[in-house]
Amino acid sequence: MAVKIVIPIVGKMGQKYDKVKLVEWKVKEGDQVSKGNAILLLETIKASVELEAEISGYLHILVPAGESRIVGKVAGLIAETEEELVQLQKTSSWELTQT
């Protein structure tokens, strides 16, 4: 089962920002990622942070770099297998981003 890449609260000392900019995906669509490796660079007005993969698997990007999203929304998914990735790529982004 795919794991959602959810946009976290980004900021120092627990500050919460409504929107976070997805500056750069560190890996490309379909690439294999390893648990703990940086996969996405996020930024607010006051802070930037690299988001790490929660599991090893294959990356499916739902929100392209350069766009902003509200904290708590899904930016991408990590599929456990290549077969699961293919199925995710056939599913509409709208369906996959609902949390």
PDB file of N, CA and C in Angstrom:
ATOM      1  N   MET A   1       0.831  -1.179   0.000  1.00  0.00           N
ATOM      2  CA  MET A   1       0.000   0.000   0.000  1.00  0.00           C
ATOM      3  C   MET A   1       0.883   1.253   0.000  1.00  0.00           C
ATOM      4  N   ALA A   2       0.552   2.207  -0.843  1.00  0.00           N
ATOM      5  CA  ALA A   2       1.337   3.439  -0.980  1.00  0.00           C
ATOM      6  C   ALA A   2       1.220   4.298   0.277  1.00  0.00           C
ATOM      7  N   VAL A   3       2.304   4.995   0.572  1.00  0.00           N
ATOM      8  CA  VAL A   3       2.346   5.915   1.710  1.00  0.00           C
ATOM      9  C   VAL A   3       2.263   7.336   1.172  1.00  0.00           C
ATOM     10  N   LYS A   4       1.382   8.141   1.763  1.00  0.00           N
ATOM     11  CA  LYS A   4       1.211   9.532   1.342  1.00  0.00           C
ATOM     12  C   LYS A   4       2.378  10.384   1.833  1.00  0.00           C
ATOM     13  N   ILE A   5       2.803  11.300   0.991  1.00  0.00           N
ATOM     14  CA  ILE A   5       3.781  12.317   1.366  1.00  0.00           C
ATOM     15  C   ILE A   5       2.955  13.560   1.678  1.00  0.00           C
ATOM     16  N   VAL A   6       2.767  13.820   2.958  1.00  0.00           N
ATOM     17  CA  VAL A   6       1.908  14.908   3.414  1.00  0.00           C
ATOM     18  C   VAL A   6       2.769  16.127   3.749  1.00  0.00           C
ATOM     19  N   ILE A   7       2.314  17.287   3.329  1.00  0.00           N
ATOM     20  CA  ILE A   7       3.045  18.520   3.603  1.00  0.00           C
ATOM     21  C   ILE A   7       2.949  18.823   5.098  1.00  0.00           C
ATOM     22  N   PRO A   8       4.097  18.853   5.781  1.00  0.00           N
ATOM     23  CA  PRO A   8       4.109  19.059   7.233  1.00  0.00           C
ATOM     24  C   PRO A   8       4.118  20.537   7.610  1.00  0.00           C
ATOM     25  N   ILE A   9       3.925  20.806   8.879  1.00  0.00           N
ATOM     26  CA  ILE A   9       4.131  22.151   9.397  1.00  0.00           C
ATOM     27  C   ILE A   9       5.623  22.436   9.279  1.00  0.00           C
ATOM     28  N   VAL A  10       5.955  23.566   8.672  1.00  0.00           N
ATOM     29  CA  VAL A  10       7.345  23.944   8.487  1.00  0.00           C
ATOM     30  C   VAL A  10       7.571  25.249   9.232  1.00  0.00           C
ATOM     31  N   GLY A  11       8.540  25.272  10.098  1.00  0.00           N
ATOM     32  CA  GLY A  11       8.835  26.496  10.810  1.00  0.00           C
ATOM     33  C   GLY A  11       9.610  26.211  12.067  1.00  0.00           C
ATOM     34  N   LYS A  12      10.193  27.237  12.604  1.00  0.00           N
ATOM     35  CA  LYS A  12      10.972  27.099  13.822  1.00  0.00           C
ATOM     36  C   LYS A  12      10.079  27.302  15.029  1.00  0.00           C
ATOM     37  N   MET A  13      10.367  26.594  16.082  1.00  0.00           N
ATOM     38  CA  MET A  13       9.658  26.694  17.353  1.00  0.00           C
ATOM     39  C   MET A  13       8.161  26.454  17.206  1.00  0.00           C
ATOM     40  N   GLY A  14       7.790  25.567  16.319  1.00  0.00           N
ATOM     41  CA  GLY A  14       6.397  25.150  16.191  1.00  0.00           C
ATOM     42  C   GLY A  14       5.482  26.130  15.493  1.00  0.00           C
ATOM     43  N   GLN A  15       6.034  27.142  14.824  1.00  0.00           N
ATOM     44  CA  GLN A  15       5.187  28.070  14.100  1.00  0.00           C
ATOM     45  C   GLN A  15       4.509  27.343  12.955  1.00  0.00           C
ATOM     46  N   LYS A  16       3.245  27.714  12.702  1.00  0.00           N
ATOM     47  CA  LYS A  16       2.487  27.060  11.639  1.00  0.00           C
ATOM     48  C   LYS A  16       2.230  28.055  10.511  1.00  0.00           C
ATOM     49  N   TYR A  17       2.474  27.620   9.305  1.00  0.00           N
ATOM     50  CA  TYR A  17       2.202  28.438   8.131  1.00  0.00           C
ATOM     51  C   TYR A  17       1.145  27.721   7.306  1.00  0.00           C
ATOM     52  N   ASP A  18       0.191  28.497   6.772  1.00  0.00           N
ATOM     53  CA  ASP A  18      -0.895  27.887   6.014  1.00  0.00           C
ATOM     54  C   ASP A  18      -0.420  27.249   4.716  1.00  0.00           C
ATOM     55  N   LYS A  19       0.467  27.933   4.010  1.00  0.00           N
ATOM     56  CA  LYS A  19       0.947  27.412   2.731  1.00  0.00           C
ATOM     57  C   LYS A  19       2.447  27.196   2.769  1.00  0.00           C
ATOM     58  N   VAL A  20       2.851  26.151   2.069  1.00  0.00           N
ATOM     59  CA  VAL A  20       4.267  25.800   1.965  1.00  0.00           C
ATOM     60  C   VAL A  20       4.578  25.637   0.478  1.00  0.00           C
ATOM     61  N   LYS A  21       5.703  26.179   0.057  1.00  0.00           N
ATOM     62  CA  LYS A  21       6.123  26.045  -1.341  1.00  0.00           C
ATOM     63  C   LYS A  21       6.963  24.787  -1.505  1.00  0.00           C
ATOM     64  N   LEU A  22       6.646  24.013  -2.527  1.00  0.00           N
ATOM     65  CA  LEU A  22       7.442  22.843  -2.881  1.00  0.00           C
ATOM     66  C   LEU A  22       8.533  23.339  -3.830  1.00  0.00           C
ATOM     67  N   VAL A  23       9.725  23.539  -3.293  1.00  0.00           N
ATOM     68  CA  VAL A  23      10.805  24.159  -4.046  1.00  0.00           C
ATOM     69  C   VAL A  23      11.406  23.192  -5.057  1.00  0.00           C
ATOM     70  N   GLU A  24      11.721  21.979  -4.605  1.00  0.00           N
ATOM     71  CA  GLU A  24      12.421  21.034  -5.480  1.00  0.00           C
ATOM     72  C   GLU A  24      12.196  19.596  -5.030  1.00  0.00           C
ATOM     73  N   TRP A  25      11.792  18.751  -5.980  1.00  0.00           N
ATOM     74  CA  TRP A  25      11.797  17.308  -5.734  1.00  0.00           C
ATOM     75  C   TRP A  25      13.237  16.854  -5.918  1.00  0.00           C
ATOM     76  N   LYS A  26      13.782  16.151  -4.954  1.00  0.00           N
ATOM     77  CA  LYS A  26      15.174  15.696  -5.008  1.00  0.00           C
ATOM     78  C   LYS A  26      15.336  14.454  -5.876  1.00  0.00           C
ATOM     79  N   VAL A  27      14.242  13.801  -6.218  1.00  0.00           N
ATOM     80  CA  VAL A  27      14.229  12.627  -7.094  1.00  0.00           C
ATOM     81  C   VAL A  27      13.129  12.816  -8.135  1.00  0.00           C
ATOM     82  N   LYS A  28      13.189  12.052  -9.198  1.00  0.00           N
ATOM     83  CA  LYS A  28      12.228  12.183 -10.286  1.00  0.00           C
ATOM     84  C   LYS A  28      11.082  11.176 -10.145  1.00  0.00           C
ATOM     85  N   GLU A  29      10.012  11.447 -10.847  1.00  0.00           N
ATOM     86  CA  GLU A  29       8.853  10.558 -10.911  1.00  0.00           C
ATOM     87  C   GLU A  29       9.314   9.147 -11.257  1.00  0.00           C
ATOM     88  N   GLY A  30       8.860   8.186 -10.457  1.00  0.00           N
ATOM     89  CA  GLY A  30       9.164   6.783 -10.721  1.00  0.00           C
ATOM     90  C   GLY A  30      10.483   6.297 -10.163  1.00  0.00           C
ATOM     91  N   ASP A  31      11.314   7.222  -9.681  1.00  0.00           N
ATOM     92  CA  ASP A  31      12.612   6.818  -9.129  1.00  0.00           C
ATOM     93  C   ASP A  31      12.428   6.029  -7.835  1.00  0.00           C
ATOM     94  N   GLN A  32      13.357   5.139  -7.590  1.00  0.00           N
ATOM     95  CA  GLN A  32      13.361   4.387  -6.339  1.00  0.00           C
ATOM     96  C   GLN A  32      13.967   5.274  -5.255  1.00  0.00           C
ATOM     97  N   VAL A  33      13.312   5.301  -4.096  1.00  0.00           N
ATOM     98  CA  VAL A  33      13.796   6.084  -2.960  1.00  0.00           C
ATOM     99  C   VAL A  33      14.032   5.152  -1.775  1.00  0.00           C
ATOM    100  N   SER A  34      14.906   5.586  -0.887  1.00  0.00           N
ATOM    101  CA  SER A  34      15.201   4.802   0.310  1.00  0.00           C
ATOM    102  C   SER A  34      14.714   5.544   1.545  1.00  0.00           C
ATOM    103  N   LYS A  35      14.215   4.799   2.494  1.00  0.00           N
ATOM    104  CA  LYS A  35      13.743   5.380   3.749  1.00  0.00           C
ATOM    105  C   LYS A  35      14.844   6.254   4.346  1.00  0.00           C
ATOM    106  N   GLY A  36      14.465   7.484   4.752  1.00  0.00           N
ATOM    107  CA  GLY A  36      15.405   8.404   5.368  1.00  0.00           C
ATOM    108  C   GLY A  36      16.114   9.335   4.409  1.00  0.00           C
ATOM    109  N   ASN A  37      16.036   9.073   3.116  1.00  0.00           N
ATOM    110  CA  ASN A  37      16.678   9.954   2.144  1.00  0.00           C
ATOM    111  C   ASN A  37      15.796  11.166   1.860  1.00  0.00           C
ATOM    112  N   ALA A  38      16.427  12.317   1.637  1.00  0.00           N
ATOM    113  CA  ALA A  38      15.696  13.540   1.301  1.00  0.00           C
ATOM    114  C   ALA A  38      15.023  13.371  -0.055  1.00  0.00           C
ATOM    115  N   ILE A  39      13.724  13.725  -0.116  1.00  0.00           N
ATOM    116  CA  ILE A  39      12.999  13.608  -1.379  1.00  0.00           C
ATOM    117  C   ILE A  39      12.400  14.927  -1.848  1.00  0.00           C
ATOM    118  N   LEU A  40      12.233  15.888  -0.921  1.00  0.00           N
ATOM    119  CA  LEU A  40      11.541  17.126  -1.276  1.00  0.00           C
ATOM    120  C   LEU A  40      12.044  18.278  -0.421  1.00  0.00           C
ATOM    121  N   LEU A  41      12.288  19.420  -1.073  1.00  0.00           N
ATOM    122  CA  LEU A  41      12.680  20.633  -0.363  1.00  0.00           C
ATOM    123  C   LEU A  41      11.455  21.536  -0.268  1.00  0.00           C
ATOM    124  N   LEU A  42      11.099  21.917   0.970  1.00  0.00           N
ATOM    125  CA  LEU A  42       9.941  22.772   1.242  1.00  0.00           C
ATOM    126  C   LEU A  42      10.420  24.102   1.784  1.00  0.00           C
ATOM    127  N   GLU A  43       9.588  25.159   1.573  1.00  0.00           N
ATOM    128  CA  GLU A  43      10.000  26.480   2.021  1.00  0.00           C
ATOM    129  C   GLU A  43       8.792  27.330   2.397  1.00  0.00           C
ATOM    130  N   THR A  44       8.972  28.134   3.456  1.00  0.00           N
ATOM    131  CA  THR A  44       8.015  29.181   3.823  1.00  0.00           C
ATOM    132  C   THR A  44       8.781  30.493   3.817  1.00  0.00           C
ATOM    133  N   ILE A  45       8.142  31.536   4.278  1.00  0.00           N
ATOM    134  CA  ILE A  45       8.803  32.838   4.336  1.00  0.00           C
ATOM    135  C   ILE A  45      10.016  32.791   5.259  1.00  0.00           C
ATOM    136  N   LYS A  46       9.913  32.011   6.341  1.00  0.00           N
ATOM    137  CA  LYS A  46      10.955  32.033   7.365  1.00  0.00           C
ATOM    138  C   LYS A  46      11.806  30.772   7.474  1.00  0.00           C
ATOM    139  N   ALA A  47      11.444  29.719   6.801  1.00  0.00           N
ATOM    140  CA  ALA A  47      12.183  28.466   6.999  1.00  0.00           C
ATOM    141  C   ALA A  47      12.145  27.602   5.745  1.00  0.00           C
ATOM    142  N   SER A  48      13.135  26.731   5.646  1.00  0.00           N
ATOM    143  CA  SER A  48      13.113  25.699   4.608  1.00  0.00           C
ATOM    144  C   SER A  48      13.547  24.397   5.257  1.00  0.00           C
ATOM    145  N   VAL A  49      13.049  23.301   4.718  1.00  0.00           N
ATOM    146  CA  VAL A  49      13.340  21.991   5.296  1.00  0.00           C
ATOM    147  C   VAL A  49      13.291  20.939   4.195  1.00  0.00           C
ATOM    148  N   GLU A  50      14.134  19.919   4.338  1.00  0.00           N
ATOM    149  CA  GLU A  50      14.081  18.776   3.432  1.00  0.00           C
ATOM    150  C   GLU A  50      13.199  17.709   4.064  1.00  0.00           C
ATOM    151  N   LEU A  51      12.278  17.196   3.295  1.00  0.00           N
ATOM    152  CA  LEU A  51      11.397  16.132   3.743  1.00  0.00           C
ATOM    153  C   LEU A  51      12.017  14.803   3.344  1.00  0.00           C
ATOM    154  N   GLU A  52      12.023  13.837   4.269  1.00  0.00           N
ATOM    155  CA  GLU A  52      12.626  12.526   4.013  1.00  0.00           C
ATOM    156  C   GLU A  52      11.555  11.483   3.721  1.00  0.00           C
ATOM    157  N   ALA A  53      11.948  10.473   2.970  1.00  0.00           N
ATOM    158  CA  ALA A  53      11.049   9.358   2.668  1.00  0.00           C
ATOM    159  C   ALA A  53      10.779   8.559   3.938  1.00  0.00           C
ATOM    160  N   GLU A  54       9.494   8.257   4.179  1.00  0.00           N
ATOM    161  CA  GLU A  54       9.122   7.472   5.356  1.00  0.00           C
ATOM    162  C   GLU A  54       9.338   5.979   5.135  1.00  0.00           C
ATOM    163  N   ILE A  55       9.301   5.568   3.879  1.00  0.00           N
ATOM    164  CA  ILE A  55       9.533   4.164   3.528  1.00  0.00           C
ATOM    165  C   ILE A  55      10.379   4.122   2.259  1.00  0.00           C
ATOM    166  N   SER A  56      10.904   2.959   1.948  1.00  0.00           N
ATOM    167  CA  SER A  56      11.578   2.749   0.670  1.00  0.00           C
ATOM    168  C   SER A  56      10.532   2.360  -0.351  1.00  0.00           C
ATOM    169  N   GLY A  57      10.715   2.787  -1.583  1.00  0.00           N
ATOM    170  CA  GLY A  57       9.755   2.457  -2.630  1.00  0.00           C
ATOM    171  C   GLY A  57       9.988   3.305  -3.861  1.00  0.00           C
ATOM    172  N   TYR A  58       8.890   3.593  -4.591  1.00  0.00           N
ATOM    173  CA  TYR A  58       8.953   4.306  -5.860  1.00  0.00           C
ATOM    174  C   TYR A  58       8.101   5.567  -5.783  1.00  0.00           C
ATOM    175  N   LEU A  59       8.685   6.705  -6.172  1.00  0.00           N
ATOM    176  CA  LEU A  59       8.044   8.006  -6.017  1.00  0.00           C
ATOM    177  C   LEU A  59       7.027   8.298  -7.109  1.00  0.00           C
ATOM    178  N   HIS A  60       5.849   8.748  -6.677  1.00  0.00           N
ATOM    179  CA  HIS A  60       4.819   9.254  -7.591  1.00  0.00           C
ATOM    180  C   HIS A  60       4.510  10.681  -7.170  1.00  0.00           C
ATOM    181  N   ILE A  61       4.859  11.642  -8.007  1.00  0.00           N
ATOM    182  CA  ILE A  61       4.693  13.067  -7.716  1.00  0.00           C
ATOM    183  C   ILE A  61       3.296  13.523  -8.128  1.00  0.00           C
ATOM    184  N   LEU A  62       2.607  14.179  -7.191  1.00  0.00           N
ATOM    185  CA  LEU A  62       1.277  14.708  -7.467  1.00  0.00           C
ATOM    186  C   LEU A  62       1.272  16.229  -7.604  1.00  0.00           C
ATOM    187  N   VAL A  63       2.173  16.900  -6.902  1.00  0.00           N
ATOM    188  CA  VAL A  63       2.264  18.361  -6.952  1.00  0.00           C
ATOM    189  C   VAL A  63       3.655  18.722  -7.469  1.00  0.00           C
ATOM    190  N   PRO A  64       3.725  19.409  -8.595  1.00  0.00           N
ATOM    191  CA  PRO A  64       5.037  19.740  -9.154  1.00  0.00           C
ATOM    192  C   PRO A  64       5.789  20.782  -8.340  1.00  0.00           C
ATOM    193  N   ALA A  65       7.088  20.786  -8.487  1.00  0.00           N
ATOM    194  CA  ALA A  65       7.936  21.789  -7.839  1.00  0.00           C
ATOM    195  C   ALA A  65       7.521  23.176  -8.308  1.00  0.00           C
ATOM    196  N   GLY A  66       7.649  24.139  -7.400  1.00  0.00           N
ATOM    197  CA  GLY A  66       7.291  25.513  -7.722  1.00  0.00           C
ATOM    198  C   GLY A  66       5.902  25.898  -7.270  1.00  0.00           C
ATOM    199  N   GLU A  67       5.070  24.925  -6.974  1.00  0.00           N
ATOM    200  CA  GLU A  67       3.708  25.204  -6.514  1.00  0.00           C
ATOM    201  C   GLU A  67       3.659  25.240  -4.996  1.00  0.00           C
ATOM    202  N   SER A  68       2.634  25.895  -4.467  1.00  0.00           N
ATOM    203  CA  SER A  68       2.406  25.959  -3.025  1.00  0.00           C
ATOM    204  C   SER A  68       1.151  25.184  -2.689  1.00  0.00           C
ATOM    205  N   ARG A  69       1.150  24.596  -1.506  1.00  0.00           N
ATOM    206  CA  ARG A  69      -0.004  23.840  -1.024  1.00  0.00           C
ATOM    207  C   ARG A  69      -0.187  24.097   0.463  1.00  0.00           C
ATOM    208  N   ILE A  70      -1.381  23.845   0.924  1.00  0.00           N
ATOM    209  CA  ILE A  70      -1.722  24.013   2.331  1.00  0.00           C
ATOM    210  C   ILE A  70      -1.129  22.858   3.133  1.00  0.00           C
ATOM    211  N   VAL A  71      -0.648  23.173   4.331  1.00  0.00           N
ATOM    212  CA  VAL A  71      -0.142  22.157   5.259  1.00  0.00           C
ATOM    213  C   VAL A  71      -1.196  21.066   5.415  1.00  0.00           C
ATOM    214  N   GLY A  72      -0.753  19.815   5.394  1.00  0.00           N
ATOM    215  CA  GLY A  72      -1.660  18.680   5.559  1.00  0.00           C
ATOM    216  C   GLY A  72      -2.134  18.051   4.257  1.00  0.00           C
ATOM    217  N   LYS A  73      -1.880  18.698   3.134  1.00  0.00           N
ATOM    218  CA  LYS A  73      -2.281  18.142   1.836  1.00  0.00           C
ATOM    219  C   LYS A  73      -1.236  17.164   1.323  1.00  0.00           C
ATOM    220  N   VAL A  74      -1.646  16.304   0.428  1.00  0.00           N
ATOM    221  CA  VAL A  74      -0.769  15.281  -0.135  1.00  0.00           C
ATOM    222  C   VAL A  74      -0.004  15.858  -1.329  1.00  0.00           C
ATOM    223  N   ALA A  75       1.329  15.714  -1.317  1.00  0.00           N
ATOM    224  CA  ALA A  75       2.176  16.209  -2.400  1.00  0.00           C
ATOM    225  C   ALA A  75       2.617  15.081  -3.333  1.00  0.00           C
ATOM    226  N   GLY A  76       2.618  13.854  -2.820  1.00  0.00           N
ATOM    227  CA  GLY A  76       3.050  12.711  -3.606  1.00  0.00           C
ATOM    228  C   GLY A  76       2.814  11.429  -2.838  1.00  0.00           C
ATOM    229  N   LEU A  77       3.223  10.331  -3.427  1.00  0.00           N
ATOM    230  CA  LEU A  77       3.059   9.015  -2.821  1.00  0.00           C
ATOM    231  C   LEU A  77       4.324   8.201  -3.021  1.00  0.00           C
ATOM    232  N   ILE A  78       4.543   7.263  -2.124  1.00  0.00           N
ATOM    233  CA  ILE A  78       5.619   6.300  -2.315  1.00  0.00           C
ATOM    234  C   ILE A  78       4.975   4.919  -2.401  1.00  0.00           C
ATOM    235  N   ALA A  79       5.099   4.314  -3.579  1.00  0.00           N
ATOM    236  CA  ALA A  79       4.567   2.979  -3.814  1.00  0.00           C
ATOM    237  C   ALA A  79       5.596   1.946  -3.366  1.00  0.00           C
ATOM    238  N   GLU A  80       5.122   0.847  -2.825  1.00  0.00           N
ATOM    239  CA  GLU A  80       6.041  -0.196  -2.358  1.00  0.00           C
ATOM    240  C   GLU A  80       6.661  -0.987  -3.505  1.00  0.00           C
ATOM    241  N   THR A  81       5.923  -1.124  -4.613  1.00  0.00           N
ATOM    242  CA  THR A  81       6.405  -1.911  -5.749  1.00  0.00           C
ATOM    243  C   THR A  81       6.246  -1.118  -7.048  1.00  0.00           C
ATOM    244  N   GLU A  82       6.948  -1.546  -8.074  1.00  0.00           N
ATOM    245  CA  GLU A  82       6.799  -0.909  -9.385  1.00  0.00           C
ATOM    246  C   GLU A  82       5.391  -1.113  -9.934  1.00  0.00           C
ATOM    247  N   GLU A  83       4.794  -2.258  -9.662  1.00  0.00           N
ATOM    248  CA  GLU A  83       3.434  -2.543 -10.123  1.00  0.00           C
ATOM    249  C   GLU A  83       2.443  -1.574  -9.479  1.00  0.00           C
ATOM    250  N   GLU A  84       2.624  -1.320  -8.191  1.00  0.00           N
ATOM    251  CA  GLU A  84       1.748  -0.374  -7.505  1.00  0.00           C
ATOM    252  C   GLU A  84       1.936   1.028  -8.084  1.00  0.00           C
ATOM    253  N   LEU A  85       3.171   1.405  -8.400  1.00  0.00           N
ATOM    254  CA  LEU A  85       3.447   2.698  -9.010  1.00  0.00           C
ATOM    255  C   LEU A  85       2.681   2.850 -10.319  1.00  0.00           C
ATOM    256  N   VAL A  86       2.706   1.828 -11.161  1.00  0.00           N
ATOM    257  CA  VAL A  86       1.993   1.865 -12.442  1.00  0.00           C
ATOM    258  C   VAL A  86       0.505   2.101 -12.211  1.00  0.00           C
ATOM    259  N   GLN A  87      -0.073   1.448 -11.227  1.00  0.00           N
ATOM    260  CA  GLN A  87      -1.496   1.644 -10.918  1.00  0.00           C
ATOM    261  C   GLN A  87      -1.765   3.074 -10.445  1.00  0.00           C
ATOM    262  N   LEU A  88      -0.888   3.607  -9.609  1.00  0.00           N
ATOM    263  CA  LEU A  88      -1.055   4.983  -9.130  1.00  0.00           C
ATOM    264  C   LEU A  88      -0.990   5.969 -10.290  1.00  0.00           C
ATOM    265  N   GLN A  89      -0.093   5.720 -11.226  1.00  0.00           N
ATOM    266  CA  GLN A  89       0.066   6.618 -12.368  1.00  0.00           C
ATOM    267  C   GLN A  89      -1.166   6.606 -13.275  1.00  0.00           C
ATOM    268  N   LYS A  90      -1.967   5.567 -13.199  1.00  0.00           N
ATOM    269  CA  LYS A  90      -3.198   5.466 -13.994  1.00  0.00           C
ATOM    270  C   LYS A  90      -4.395   6.107 -13.287  1.00  0.00           C
ATOM    271  N   THR A  91      -4.246   6.423 -12.013  1.00  0.00           N
ATOM    272  CA  THR A  91      -5.332   6.997 -11.220  1.00  0.00           C
ATOM    273  C   THR A  91      -5.245   8.516 -11.271  1.00  0.00           C
ATOM    274  N   SER A  92      -6.417   9.194 -11.277  1.00  0.00           N
ATOM    275  CA  SER A  92      -6.408  10.653 -11.354  1.00  0.00           C
ATOM    276  C   SER A  92      -5.756  11.267 -10.117  1.00  0.00           C
ATOM    277  N   SER A  93      -5.050  12.349 -10.342  1.00  0.00           N
ATOM    278  CA  SER A  93      -4.388  13.060  -9.235  1.00  0.00           C
ATOM    279  C   SER A  93      -5.399  13.528  -8.205  1.00  0.00           C
ATOM    280  N   TRP A  94      -6.564  13.929  -8.627  1.00  0.00           N
ATOM    281  CA  TRP A  94      -7.586  14.397  -7.706  1.00  0.00           C
ATOM    282  C   TRP A  94      -7.933  13.318  -6.691  1.00  0.00           C
ATOM    283  N   GLU A  95      -8.154  12.110  -7.159  1.00  0.00           N
ATOM    284  CA  GLU A  95      -8.476  11.000  -6.263  1.00  0.00           C
ATOM    285  C   GLU A  95      -7.347  10.734  -5.274  1.00  0.00           C
ATOM    286  N   LEU A  96      -6.130  10.829  -5.735  1.00  0.00           N
ATOM    287  CA  LEU A  96      -4.971  10.496  -4.891  1.00  0.00           C
ATOM    288  C   LEU A  96      -4.626  11.577  -3.882  1.00  0.00           C
ATOM    289  N   THR A  97      -5.044  12.820  -4.127  1.00  0.00           N
ATOM    290  CA  THR A  97      -4.689  13.912  -3.211  1.00  0.00           C
ATOM    291  C   THR A  97      -5.709  14.116  -2.094  1.00  0.00           C
ATOM    292  N   GLN A  98      -6.799  13.404  -2.127  1.00  0.00           N
ATOM    293  CA  GLN A  98      -7.799  13.570  -1.073  1.00  0.00           C
ATOM    294  C   GLN A  98      -7.296  12.946   0.218  1.00  0.00           C
ATOM    295  N   THR A  99      -7.349  13.727   1.309  1.00  0.00           N
ATOM    296  CA  THR A  99      -6.874  13.218   2.603  1.00  0.00           C
ATOM    297  C   THR A  99      -8.033  13.070   3.565  1.00  0.00           C
TER     298      THR A  99
END
